[in-house]
PDB file of N, CA and C in Angstrom:
ATOM      1  N   MET A   1      32.568  20.462  56.094  1.00  0.00           N
ATOM      2  CA  MET A   1      32.039  19.344  55.336  1.00  0.00           C
ATOM      3  C   MET A   1      30.676  18.960  55.887  1.00  0.00           C
ATOM      4  N   THR A   2      29.720  18.787  55.016  1.00  0.00           N
ATOM      5  CA  THR A   2      28.379  18.390  55.402  1.00  0.00           C
ATOM      6  C   THR A   2      28.056  17.048  54.769  1.00  0.00           C
ATOM      7  N   ILE A   3      27.551  16.137  55.573  1.00  0.00           N
ATOM      8  CA  ILE A   3      27.137  14.835  55.049  1.00  0.00           C
ATOM      9  C   ILE A   3      25.711  14.978  54.561  1.00  0.00           C
ATOM     10  N   GLN A   4      25.511  14.799  53.259  1.00  0.00           N
ATOM     11  CA  GLN A   4      24.181  14.933  52.658  1.00  0.00           C
ATOM     12  C   GLN A   4      23.348  13.672  52.886  1.00  0.00           C
ATOM     13  N   ALA A   5      23.941  12.530  52.609  1.00  0.00           N
ATOM     14  CA  ALA A   5      23.241  11.257  52.779  1.00  0.00           C
ATOM     15  C   ALA A   5      24.276  10.162  52.954  1.00  0.00           C
ATOM     16  N   ILE A   6      23.941   9.180  53.779  1.00  0.00           N
ATOM     17  CA  ILE A   6      24.847   8.054  53.997  1.00  0.00           C
ATOM     18  C   ILE A   6      24.016   6.820  54.301  1.00  0.00           C
ATOM     19  N   ASN A   7      24.482   5.685  53.828  1.00  0.00           N
ATOM     20  CA  ASN A   7      23.750   4.437  54.012  1.00  0.00           C
ATOM     21  C   ASN A   7      24.311   3.651  55.192  1.00  0.00           C
ATOM     22  N   VAL A   8      24.327   4.272  56.355  1.00  0.00           N
ATOM     23  CA  VAL A   8      24.747   3.597  57.575  1.00  0.00           C
ATOM     24  C   VAL A   8      23.688   3.877  58.628  1.00  0.00           C
ATOM     25  N   ARG A   9      23.033   2.832  59.094  1.00  0.00           N
ATOM     26  CA  ARG A   9      21.929   3.033  60.038  1.00  0.00           C
ATOM     27  C   ARG A   9      22.392   3.253  61.470  1.00  0.00           C
ATOM     28  N   ASN A  10      23.518   2.650  61.847  1.00  0.00           N
ATOM     29  CA  ASN A  10      24.004   2.770  63.214  1.00  0.00           C
ATOM     30  C   ASN A  10      24.927   3.977  63.334  1.00  0.00           C
ATOM     31  N   GLN A  11      24.342   5.093  63.751  1.00  0.00           N
ATOM     32  CA  GLN A  11      25.084   6.336  63.889  1.00  0.00           C
ATOM     33  C   GLN A  11      24.992   6.800  65.343  1.00  0.00           C
ATOM     34  N   PHE A  12      26.154   7.095  65.929  1.00  0.00           N
ATOM     35  CA  PHE A  12      26.200   7.511  67.324  1.00  0.00           C
ATOM     36  C   PHE A  12      26.932   8.844  67.426  1.00  0.00           C
ATOM     37  N   LYS A  13      26.214   9.897  67.816  1.00  0.00           N
ATOM     38  CA  LYS A  13      26.846  11.194  68.035  1.00  0.00           C
ATOM     39  C   LYS A  13      27.564  11.170  69.368  1.00  0.00           C
ATOM     40  N   GLY A  14      28.725  11.785  69.408  1.00  0.00           N
ATOM     41  CA  GLY A  14      29.466  11.820  70.656  1.00  0.00           C
ATOM     42  C   GLY A  14      30.667  12.742  70.559  1.00  0.00           C
ATOM     43  N   LYS A  15      31.493  12.668  71.602  1.00  0.00           N
ATOM     44  CA  LYS A  15      32.719  13.470  71.663  1.00  0.00           C
ATOM     45  C   LYS A  15      33.894  12.528  71.866  1.00  0.00           C
ATOM     46  N   ILE A  16      35.010  12.908  71.265  1.00  0.00           N
ATOM     47  CA  ILE A  16      36.220  12.098  71.422  1.00  0.00           C
ATOM     48  C   ILE A  16      36.690  12.201  72.867  1.00  0.00           C
ATOM     49  N   LYS A  17      36.853  11.028  73.480  1.00  0.00           N
ATOM     50  CA  LYS A  17      37.283  10.960  74.879  1.00  0.00           C
ATOM     51  C   LYS A  17      38.779  10.694  74.985  1.00  0.00           C
ATOM     52  N   ALA A  18      39.327   9.887  74.064  1.00  0.00           N
ATOM     53  CA  ALA A  18      40.754   9.553  74.107  1.00  0.00           C
ATOM     54  C   ALA A  18      41.245   9.198  72.714  1.00  0.00           C
ATOM     55  N   ILE A  19      42.522   9.467  72.477  1.00  0.00           N
ATOM     56  CA  ILE A  19      43.182   9.059  71.242  1.00  0.00           C
ATOM     57  C   ILE A  19      44.507   8.419  71.629  1.00  0.00           C
ATOM     58  N   ILE A  20      44.690   7.167  71.225  1.00  0.00           N
ATOM     59  CA  ILE A  20      45.958   6.484  71.428  1.00  0.00           C
ATOM     60  C   ILE A  20      46.621   6.424  70.061  1.00  0.00           C
ATOM     61  N   GLU A  21      47.596   7.297  69.870  1.00  0.00           N
ATOM     62  CA  GLU A  21      48.197   7.474  68.545  1.00  0.00           C
ATOM     63  C   GLU A  21      49.364   6.534  68.343  1.00  0.00           C
ATOM     64  N   GLY A  22      49.330   5.821  67.231  1.00  0.00           N
ATOM     65  CA  GLY A  22      50.432   4.956  66.832  1.00  0.00           C
ATOM     66  C   GLY A  22      51.108   5.517  65.601  1.00  0.00           C
ATOM     67  N   ILE A  23      52.135   4.826  65.144  1.00  0.00           N
ATOM     68  CA  ILE A  23      52.870   5.298  63.971  1.00  0.00           C
ATOM     69  C   ILE A  23      51.994   5.234  62.727  1.00  0.00           C
ATOM     70  N   VAL A  24      51.263   4.114  62.560  1.00  0.00           N
ATOM     71  CA  VAL A  24      50.446   3.922  61.363  1.00  0.00           C
ATOM     72  C   VAL A  24      48.958   4.053  61.651  1.00  0.00           C
ATOM     73  N   VAL A  25      48.482   3.426  62.732  1.00  0.00           N
ATOM     74  CA  VAL A  25      47.065   3.491  63.090  1.00  0.00           C
ATOM     75  C   VAL A  25      46.906   4.029  64.502  1.00  0.00           C
ATOM     76  N   SER A  26      45.725   4.571  64.770  1.00  0.00           N
ATOM     77  CA  SER A  26      45.413   5.127  66.088  1.00  0.00           C
ATOM     78  C   SER A  26      44.061   4.613  66.543  1.00  0.00           C
ATOM     79  N   GLU A  27      43.879   4.497  67.861  1.00  0.00           N
ATOM     80  CA  GLU A  27      42.585   4.159  68.452  1.00  0.00           C
ATOM     81  C   GLU A  27      41.920   5.460  68.886  1.00  0.00           C
ATOM     82  N   VAL A  28      40.663   5.607  68.508  1.00  0.00           N
ATOM     83  CA  VAL A  28      39.909   6.798  68.879  1.00  0.00           C
ATOM     84  C   VAL A  28      38.680   6.344  69.666  1.00  0.00           C
ATOM     85  N   ASP A  29      38.596   6.753  70.927  1.00  0.00           N
ATOM     86  CA  ASP A  29      37.440   6.435  71.776  1.00  0.00           C
ATOM     87  C   ASP A  29      36.446   7.583  71.704  1.00  0.00           C
ATOM     88  N   VAL A  30      35.202   7.243  71.343  1.00  0.00           N
ATOM     89  CA  VAL A  30      34.133   8.237  71.245  1.00  0.00           C
ATOM     90  C   VAL A  30      33.110   7.929  72.336  1.00  0.00           C
ATOM     91  N   GLU A  31      32.848   8.914  73.195  1.00  0.00           N
ATOM     92  CA  GLU A  31      31.850   8.761  74.251  1.00  0.00           C
ATOM     93  C   GLU A  31      30.489   9.151  73.689  1.00  0.00           C
ATOM     94  N   THR A  32      29.562   8.175  73.669  1.00  0.00           N
ATOM     95  CA  THR A  32      28.219   8.389  73.136  1.00  0.00           C
ATOM     96  C   THR A  32      27.206   8.093  74.226  1.00  0.00           C
ATOM     97  N   PRO A  33      25.942   8.468  74.047  1.00  0.00           N
ATOM     98  CA  PRO A  33      24.922   8.119  75.027  1.00  0.00           C
ATOM     99  C   PRO A  33      24.774   6.603  75.205  1.00  0.00           C
ATOM    100  N   ALA A  34      25.158   5.831  74.186  1.00  0.00           N
ATOM    101  CA  ALA A  34      25.060   4.371  74.252  1.00  0.00           C
ATOM    102  C   ALA A  34      26.296   3.740  74.886  1.00  0.00           C
ATOM    103  N   GLY A  35      27.336   4.517  75.146  1.00  0.00           N
ATOM    104  CA  GLY A  35      28.581   3.999  75.703  1.00  0.00           C
ATOM    105  C   GLY A  35      29.762   4.417  74.842  1.00  0.00           C
ATOM    106  N   ILE A  36      30.911   3.819  75.116  1.00  0.00           N
ATOM    107  CA  ILE A  36      32.132   4.148  74.383  1.00  0.00           C
ATOM    108  C   ILE A  36      32.189   3.327  73.097  1.00  0.00           C
ATOM    109  N   VAL A  37      32.454   4.002  71.985  1.00  0.00           N
ATOM    110  CA  VAL A  37      32.679   3.349  70.699  1.00  0.00           C
ATOM    111  C   VAL A  37      34.136   3.606  70.345  1.00  0.00           C
ATOM    112  N   THR A  38      34.887   2.541  70.058  1.00  0.00           N
ATOM    113  CA  THR A  38      36.296   2.672  69.704  1.00  0.00           C
ATOM    114  C   THR A  38      36.483   2.385  68.230  1.00  0.00           C
ATOM    115  N   SER A  39      37.195   3.269  67.566  1.00  0.00           N
ATOM    116  CA  SER A  39      37.491   3.108  66.150  1.00  0.00           C
ATOM    117  C   SER A  39      38.997   3.058  65.961  1.00  0.00           C
ATOM    118  N   VAL A  40      39.457   2.179  65.090  1.00  0.00           N
ATOM    119  CA  VAL A  40      40.867   2.133  64.717  1.00  0.00           C
ATOM    120  C   VAL A  40      40.960   2.696  63.305  1.00  0.00           C
ATOM    121  N   ILE A  41      41.607   3.851  63.190  1.00  0.00           N
ATOM    122  CA  ILE A  41      41.746   4.508  61.893  1.00  0.00           C
ATOM    123  C   ILE A  41      43.213   4.882  61.697  1.00  0.00           C
ATOM    124  N   THR A  42      43.559   5.257  60.491  1.00  0.00           N
ATOM    125  CA  THR A  42      44.953   5.636  60.251  1.00  0.00           C
ATOM    126  C   THR A  42      45.288   6.912  61.015  1.00  0.00           C
ATOM    127  N   THR A  43      46.527   6.987  61.442  1.00  0.00           N
ATOM    128  CA  THR A  43      47.001   8.179  62.134  1.00  0.00           C
ATOM    129  C   THR A  43      46.936   9.378  61.194  1.00  0.00           C
ATOM    130  N   ARG A  44      47.162   9.135  59.923  1.00  0.00           N
ATOM    131  CA  ARG A  44      47.045  10.210  58.936  1.00  0.00           C
ATOM    132  C   ARG A  44      45.635  10.790  58.935  1.00  0.00           C
ATOM    133  N   SER A  45      44.604   9.920  59.024  1.00  0.00           N
ATOM    134  CA  SER A  45      43.222  10.403  59.056  1.00  0.00           C
ATOM    135  C   SER A  45      42.946  11.213  60.318  1.00  0.00           C
ATOM    136  N   VAL A  46      43.515  10.795  61.442  1.00  0.00           N
ATOM    137  CA  VAL A  46      43.350  11.561  62.690  1.00  0.00           C
ATOM    138  C   VAL A  46      43.860  12.979  62.479  1.00  0.00           C
ATOM    139  N   LYS A  47      45.026  13.092  61.858  1.00  0.00           N
ATOM    140  CA  LYS A  47      45.620  14.420  61.633  1.00  0.00           C
ATOM    141  C   LYS A  47      44.841  15.204  60.571  1.00  0.00           C
ATOM    142  N   ASP A  48      44.483  14.531  59.455  1.00  0.00           N
ATOM    143  CA  ASP A  48      43.764  15.210  58.374  1.00  0.00           C
ATOM    144  C   ASP A  48      42.411  15.745  58.833  1.00  0.00           C
ATOM    145  N   LEU A  49      41.734  14.991  59.725  1.00  0.00           N
ATOM    146  CA  LEU A  49      40.428  15.412  60.236  1.00  0.00           C
ATOM    147  C   LEU A  49      40.539  16.393  61.405  1.00  0.00           C
ATOM    148  N   GLY A  50      41.758  16.584  61.913  1.00  0.00           N
ATOM    149  CA  GLY A  50      41.957  17.499  63.038  1.00  0.00           C
ATOM    150  C   GLY A  50      41.313  16.983  64.317  1.00  0.00           C
ATOM    151  N   LEU A  51      41.337  15.658  64.513  1.00  0.00           N
ATOM    152  CA  LEU A  51      40.687  15.072  65.686  1.00  0.00           C
ATOM    153  C   LEU A  51      41.530  15.275  66.933  1.00  0.00           C
ATOM    154  N   VAL A  52      40.886  15.796  67.958  1.00  0.00           N
ATOM    155  CA  VAL A  52      41.500  15.974  69.278  1.00  0.00           C
ATOM    156  C   VAL A  52      40.444  15.640  70.322  1.00  0.00           C
ATOM    157  N   ILE A  53      40.876  15.447  71.538  1.00  0.00           N
ATOM    158  CA  ILE A  53      39.932  15.169  72.620  1.00  0.00           C
ATOM    159  C   ILE A  53      38.928  16.313  72.713  1.00  0.00           C
ATOM    160  N   GLY A  54      37.644  15.948  72.793  1.00  0.00           N
ATOM    161  CA  GLY A  54      36.571  16.935  72.885  1.00  0.00           C
ATOM    162  C   GLY A  54      35.896  17.245  71.564  1.00  0.00           C
ATOM    163  N   THR A  55      36.488  16.800  70.446  1.00  0.00           N
ATOM    164  CA  THR A  55      35.879  17.047  69.136  1.00  0.00           C
ATOM    165  C   THR A  55      34.552  16.306  69.036  1.00  0.00           C
ATOM    166  N   GLU A  56      33.507  16.992  68.573  1.00  0.00           N
ATOM    167  CA  GLU A  56      32.211  16.345  68.351  1.00  0.00           C
ATOM    168  C   GLU A  56      32.259  15.608  67.026  1.00  0.00           C
ATOM    169  N   VAL A  57      31.863  14.328  67.057  1.00  0.00           N
ATOM    170  CA  VAL A  57      31.913  13.480  65.866  1.00  0.00           C
ATOM    171  C   VAL A  57      30.671  12.602  65.808  1.00  0.00           C
ATOM    172  N   VAL A  58      30.531  11.903  64.717  1.00  0.00           N
ATOM    173  CA  VAL A  58      29.511  10.871  64.569  1.00  0.00           C
ATOM    174  C   VAL A  58      30.241   9.570  64.278  1.00  0.00           C
ATOM    175  N   ALA A  59      30.027   8.557  65.104  1.00  0.00           N
ATOM    176  CA  ALA A  59      30.597   7.235  64.865  1.00  0.00           C
ATOM    177  C   ALA A  59      29.615   6.477  63.986  1.00  0.00           C
ATOM    178  N   LEU A  60      30.087   6.046  62.823  1.00  0.00           N
ATOM    179  CA  LEU A  60      29.264   5.312  61.873  1.00  0.00           C
ATOM    180  C   LEU A  60      29.683   3.847  61.933  1.00  0.00           C
ATOM    181  N   VAL A  61      28.765   2.977  62.332  1.00  0.00           N
ATOM    182  CA  VAL A  61      29.092   1.569  62.536  1.00  0.00           C
ATOM    183  C   VAL A  61      28.387   0.721  61.490  1.00  0.00           C
ATOM    184  N   LYS A  62      29.180   0.016  60.697  1.00  0.00           N
ATOM    185  CA  LYS A  62      28.630  -0.890  59.695  1.00  0.00           C
ATOM    186  C   LYS A  62      29.441  -2.171  59.766  1.00  0.00           C
ATOM    187  N   ALA A  63      28.936  -3.163  60.449  1.00  0.00           N
ATOM    188  CA  ALA A  63      29.648  -4.412  60.639  1.00  0.00           C
ATOM    189  C   ALA A  63      29.241  -5.441  59.589  1.00  0.00           C
ATOM    190  N   THR A  64      30.239  -6.108  59.045  1.00  0.00           N
ATOM    191  CA  THR A  64      29.940  -7.190  58.116  1.00  0.00           C
ATOM    192  C   THR A  64      29.854  -8.521  58.836  1.00  0.00           C
ATOM    193  N   GLU A  65      30.365  -8.546  60.069  1.00  0.00           N
ATOM    194  CA  GLU A  65      30.320  -9.769  60.852  1.00  0.00           C
ATOM    195  C   GLU A  65      30.313  -9.420  62.328  1.00  0.00           C
ATOM    196  N   VAL A  66      29.491 -10.102  63.089  1.00  0.00           N
ATOM    197  CA  VAL A  66      29.466  -9.964  64.533  1.00  0.00           C
ATOM    198  C   VAL A  66      29.617 -11.363  65.114  1.00  0.00           C
ATOM    199  N   SER A  67      30.638 -11.569  65.934  1.00  0.00           N
ATOM    200  CA  SER A  67      30.880 -12.876  66.542  1.00  0.00           C
ATOM    201  C   SER A  67      30.419 -12.855  67.987  1.00  0.00           C
ATOM    202  N   ILE A  68      29.889 -13.978  68.442  1.00  0.00           N
ATOM    203  CA  ILE A  68      29.443 -14.113  69.831  1.00  0.00           C
ATOM    204  C   ILE A  68      30.046 -15.378  70.401  1.00  0.00           C
ATOM    205  N   ALA A  69      30.559 -15.275  71.637  1.00  0.00           N
ATOM    206  CA  ALA A  69      31.121 -16.430  72.325  1.00  0.00           C
ATOM    207  C   ALA A  69      30.379 -16.644  73.640  1.00  0.00           C
ATOM    208  N   LYS A  70      30.092 -17.882  73.964  1.00  0.00           N
ATOM    209  CA  LYS A  70      29.416 -18.197  75.227  1.00  0.00           C
ATOM    210  C   LYS A  70      30.418 -18.104  76.353  1.00  0.00           C
ATOM    211  N   ILE A  71      30.023 -17.465  77.447  1.00  0.00           N
ATOM    212  CA  ILE A  71      30.914 -17.291  78.603  1.00  0.00           C
ATOM    213  C   ILE A  71      30.738 -18.461  79.550  1.00  0.00           C
TER     214      ILE A  71
END
């Protein structure tokens, strides 16, 4: 599969470092030059995409809301 065009500006290339698989959803940690990006996706998508530790991926980040709390 080749991505021709996408409207997401925050793209981080990296490799999957860890997968915590659940029954319905899984956490996927992607190690990027900017740090670890964690995505929660369906376990079905993990299997359909053939994601395993070491797979090269692109994390696409599009946030509709960012919250900040004072420490």
